[in-house]
Amino acid sequence: QVWIVESGGGLVQPGESLRLSCVASGDIVRRPGMGWYRQAPGGQREPVATITSNGDTVYADSVKGRFTISRGHINTRVWLQMNSLKSEDAAVYYCAASVKGNDYWGQGTQVTVSS
């Protein structure tokens, strides 16, 4: 069994920053590929940032230069640093981990950007 737990969401004003945390645990490999995805109201879930087992990162065009995904000291933990938040960034953010060909998802953390 694999558990994915996200945290760090909240309410911020445009231009402010937020940092999300994701921890994968259970029957996992030492350094799984992991990523952040988001789903806005009425929208579809879309990739935001991913990081592979060897450290390669990929960002959605809409967040390049503002968001940074990184691994923690423990390789099963990743962070998403979100700077200069915009109203269009508001969504439920989900973390996922790829373990031995299977994808596992957390329950999501709400990010609200409003003045």
C-alpha atoms as a PDB file:
ATOM      1  CA  GLN A   1       0.000   0.000   0.000  1.00  0.00           C
ATOM      2  CA  VAL A   2       1.177   3.538  -0.824  1.00  0.00           C
ATOM      3  CA  TRP A   3       0.157   6.709   0.953  1.00  0.00           C
ATOM      4  CA  ILE A   4       0.472  10.172  -0.544  1.00  0.00           C
ATOM      5  CA  VAL A   5      -0.110  13.128   1.760  1.00  0.00           C
ATOM      6  CA  GLU A   6      -0.098  16.778   0.690  1.00  0.00           C
ATOM      7  CA  SER A   7      -0.098  19.802   2.926  1.00  0.00           C
ATOM      8  CA  GLY A   8       0.580  23.524   2.841  1.00  0.00           C
ATOM      9  CA  GLY A   9      -2.405  24.866   0.965  1.00  0.00           C
ATOM     10  CA  GLY A  10      -4.231  27.935   2.096  1.00  0.00           C
ATOM     11  CA  LEU A  11      -5.577  31.351   1.253  1.00  0.00           C
ATOM     12  CA  VAL A  12      -3.207  33.978  -0.113  1.00  0.00           C
ATOM     13  CA  GLN A  13      -3.452  37.242  -1.987  1.00  0.00           C
ATOM     14  CA  PRO A  14      -2.165  37.690  -5.541  1.00  0.00           C
ATOM     15  CA  GLY A  15       1.596  38.140  -5.598  1.00  0.00           C
ATOM     16  CA  GLU A  16       2.190  36.198  -2.406  1.00  0.00           C
ATOM     17  CA  SER A  17       3.943  32.858  -2.014  1.00  0.00           C
ATOM     18  CA  LEU A  18       3.070  29.437  -0.730  1.00  0.00           C
ATOM     19  CA  ARG A  19       4.966  26.187  -0.283  1.00  0.00           C
ATOM     20  CA  LEU A  20       3.346  22.793  -0.620  1.00  0.00           C
ATOM     21  CA  SER A  21       4.704  19.562   0.798  1.00  0.00           C
ATOM     22  CA  CYS A  22       4.165  16.014  -0.395  1.00  0.00           C
ATOM     23  CA  VAL A  23       5.233  12.852   1.377  1.00  0.00           C
ATOM     24  CA  ALA A  24       5.030   9.369  -0.088  1.00  0.00           C
ATOM     25  CA  SER A  25       5.194   6.388   2.209  1.00  0.00           C
ATOM     26  CA  GLY A  26       4.423   2.703   2.366  1.00  0.00           C
ATOM     27  CA  ASP A  27       5.452   0.199  -0.277  1.00  0.00           C
ATOM     28  CA  ILE A  28       7.582   2.606  -2.308  1.00  0.00           C
ATOM     29  CA  VAL A  29      10.960   2.731  -3.957  1.00  0.00           C
ATOM     30  CA  ARG A  30      13.691   4.851  -2.476  1.00  0.00           C
ATOM     31  CA  ARG A  31      13.429   7.692  -4.990  1.00  0.00           C
ATOM     32  CA  PRO A  32      10.187   7.587  -6.973  1.00  0.00           C
ATOM     33  CA  GLY A  33       9.240   9.944  -9.737  1.00  0.00           C
ATOM     34  CA  MET A  34       6.832  12.464  -8.255  1.00  0.00           C
ATOM     35  CA  GLY A  35       4.838  15.439  -9.370  1.00  0.00           C
ATOM     36  CA  TRP A  36       2.276  18.093  -8.653  1.00  0.00           C
ATOM     37  CA  TYR A  37      -0.992  18.445 -10.516  1.00  0.00           C
ATOM     38  CA  ARG A  38      -3.895  20.814 -10.082  1.00  0.00           C
ATOM     39  CA  GLN A  39      -7.560  20.994 -10.850  1.00  0.00           C
ATOM     40  CA  ALA A  40      -9.397  24.290 -10.906  1.00  0.00           C
ATOM     41  CA  PRO A  41     -13.164  24.511 -10.454  1.00  0.00           C
ATOM     42  CA  GLY A  42     -14.808  23.306 -13.630  1.00  0.00           C
ATOM     43  CA  GLY A  43     -11.484  22.284 -15.115  1.00  0.00           C
ATOM     44  CA  GLN A  44      -9.501  19.131 -15.665  1.00  0.00           C
ATOM     45  CA  ARG A  45      -6.560  17.923 -13.681  1.00  0.00           C
ATOM     46  CA  GLU A  46      -3.369  19.160 -15.304  1.00  0.00           C
ATOM     47  CA  PRO A  47       0.324  18.695 -14.599  1.00  0.00           C
ATOM     48  CA  VAL A  48       2.112  21.548 -12.885  1.00  0.00           C
ATOM     49  CA  ALA A  49       5.589  20.227 -12.168  1.00  0.00           C
ATOM     50  CA  THR A  50       7.225  16.825 -12.104  1.00  0.00           C
ATOM     51  CA  ILE A  51      10.567  15.488 -10.986  1.00  0.00           C
ATOM     52  CA  THR A  52      12.028  12.173 -12.080  1.00  0.00           C
ATOM     53  CA  SER A  53      14.028   9.697 -10.064  1.00  0.00           C
ATOM     54  CA  ASN A  54      17.242  11.210 -11.452  1.00  0.00           C
ATOM     55  CA  GLY A  55      16.241  14.798 -10.718  1.00  0.00           C
ATOM     56  CA  ASP A  56      15.000  16.027 -14.092  1.00  0.00           C
ATOM     57  CA  THR A  57      12.168  18.527 -13.787  1.00  0.00           C
ATOM     58  CA  VAL A  58       9.375  19.575 -16.112  1.00  0.00           C
ATOM     59  CA  TYR A  59       7.101  22.576 -15.614  1.00  0.00           C
ATOM     60  CA  ALA A  60       3.891  23.692 -17.173  1.00  0.00           C
ATOM     61  CA  ASP A  61       4.390  26.824 -19.261  1.00  0.00           C
ATOM     62  CA  SER A  62       1.987  28.727 -17.044  1.00  0.00           C
ATOM     63  CA  VAL A  63       4.187  28.333 -13.959  1.00  0.00           C
ATOM     64  CA  LYS A  64       7.708  28.486 -15.374  1.00  0.00           C
ATOM     65  CA  GLY A  65       9.825  30.998 -13.520  1.00  0.00           C
ATOM     66  CA  ARG A  66       7.401  31.136 -10.612  1.00  0.00           C
ATOM     67  CA  PHE A  67       7.137  27.572  -9.282  1.00  0.00           C
ATOM     68  CA  THR A  68       9.923  25.240  -8.240  1.00  0.00           C
ATOM     69  CA  ILE A  69       9.675  21.543  -7.490  1.00  0.00           C
ATOM     70  CA  SER A  70      12.399  19.984  -5.387  1.00  0.00           C
ATOM     71  CA  ARG A  71      13.166  16.926  -3.326  1.00  0.00           C
ATOM     72  CA  GLY A  72      13.607  17.077   0.369  1.00  0.00           C
ATOM     73  CA  HIS A  73      16.463  15.578   2.267  1.00  0.00           C
ATOM     74  CA  ILE A  74      14.344  12.434   2.288  1.00  0.00           C
ATOM     75  CA  ASN A  75      13.852  11.364  -1.325  1.00  0.00           C
ATOM     76  CA  THR A  76      10.212  10.410  -0.854  1.00  0.00           C
ATOM     77  CA  ARG A  77       9.316  13.989   0.002  1.00  0.00           C
ATOM     78  CA  VAL A  78       8.924  16.796  -2.519  1.00  0.00           C
ATOM     79  CA  TRP A  79       8.140  20.471  -2.248  1.00  0.00           C
ATOM     80  CA  LEU A  80       6.414  22.899  -4.540  1.00  0.00           C
ATOM     81  CA  GLN A  81       7.482  26.475  -3.961  1.00  0.00           C
ATOM     82  CA  MET A  82       4.939  28.804  -5.517  1.00  0.00           C
ATOM     83  CA  ASN A  83       5.878  32.450  -5.916  1.00  0.00           C
ATOM     84  CA  SER A  84       4.029  35.391  -7.418  1.00  0.00           C
ATOM     85  CA  LEU A  85       0.743  33.565  -7.190  1.00  0.00           C
ATOM     86  CA  LYS A  86      -2.019  34.597  -9.548  1.00  0.00           C
ATOM     87  CA  SER A  87      -5.747  34.140  -9.354  1.00  0.00           C
ATOM     88  CA  GLU A  88      -5.523  31.547 -12.113  1.00  0.00           C
ATOM     89  CA  ASP A  89      -3.306  29.419  -9.863  1.00  0.00           C
ATOM     90  CA  ALA A  90      -6.229  28.762  -7.545  1.00  0.00           C
ATOM     91  CA  ALA A  91      -7.021  25.064  -7.567  1.00  0.00           C
ATOM     92  CA  VAL A  92      -6.838  21.866  -5.623  1.00  0.00           C
ATOM     93  CA  TYR A  93      -3.252  20.686  -5.865  1.00  0.00           C
ATOM     94  CA  TYR A  94      -2.573  16.977  -5.957  1.00  0.00           C
ATOM     95  CA  CYS A  95       0.670  15.129  -5.484  1.00  0.00           C
ATOM     96  CA  ALA A  96       1.400  11.870  -7.254  1.00  0.00           C
ATOM     97  CA  ALA A  97       4.134   9.267  -7.109  1.00  0.00           C
ATOM     98  CA  SER A  98       5.056   6.645  -9.664  1.00  0.00           C
ATOM     99  CA  VAL A  99       6.009   3.373  -8.039  1.00  0.00           C
ATOM    100  CA  LYS A 100       6.864   0.290 -10.084  1.00  0.00           C
ATOM    101  CA  GLY A 101       4.631   1.246 -12.974  1.00  0.00           C
ATOM    102  CA  ASN A 102       1.693   2.372 -10.867  1.00  0.00           C
ATOM    103  CA  ASP A 103       0.584   5.909 -10.071  1.00  0.00           C
ATOM    104  CA  TYR A 104      -0.599   6.896  -6.618  1.00  0.00           C
ATOM    105  CA  TRP A 105      -2.422  10.082  -5.700  1.00  0.00           C
ATOM    106  CA  GLY A 106      -3.012  12.101  -2.596  1.00  0.00           C
ATOM    107  CA  GLN A 107      -6.303  13.668  -1.601  1.00  0.00           C
ATOM    108  CA  GLY A 108      -5.236  17.178  -2.555  1.00  0.00           C
ATOM    109  CA  THR A 109      -4.691  20.476  -0.803  1.00  0.00           C
ATOM    110  CA  GLN A 110      -6.669  23.621  -1.588  1.00  0.00           C
ATOM    111  CA  VAL A 111      -4.898  26.737  -2.804  1.00  0.00           C
ATOM    112  CA  THR A 112      -7.010  29.855  -2.938  1.00  0.00           C
ATOM    113  CA  VAL A 113      -5.701  33.097  -4.407  1.00  0.00           C
ATOM    114  CA  SER A 114      -7.969  36.031  -3.737  1.00  0.00           C
ATOM    115  CA  SER A 115      -7.802  39.670  -2.766  1.00  0.00           C
END
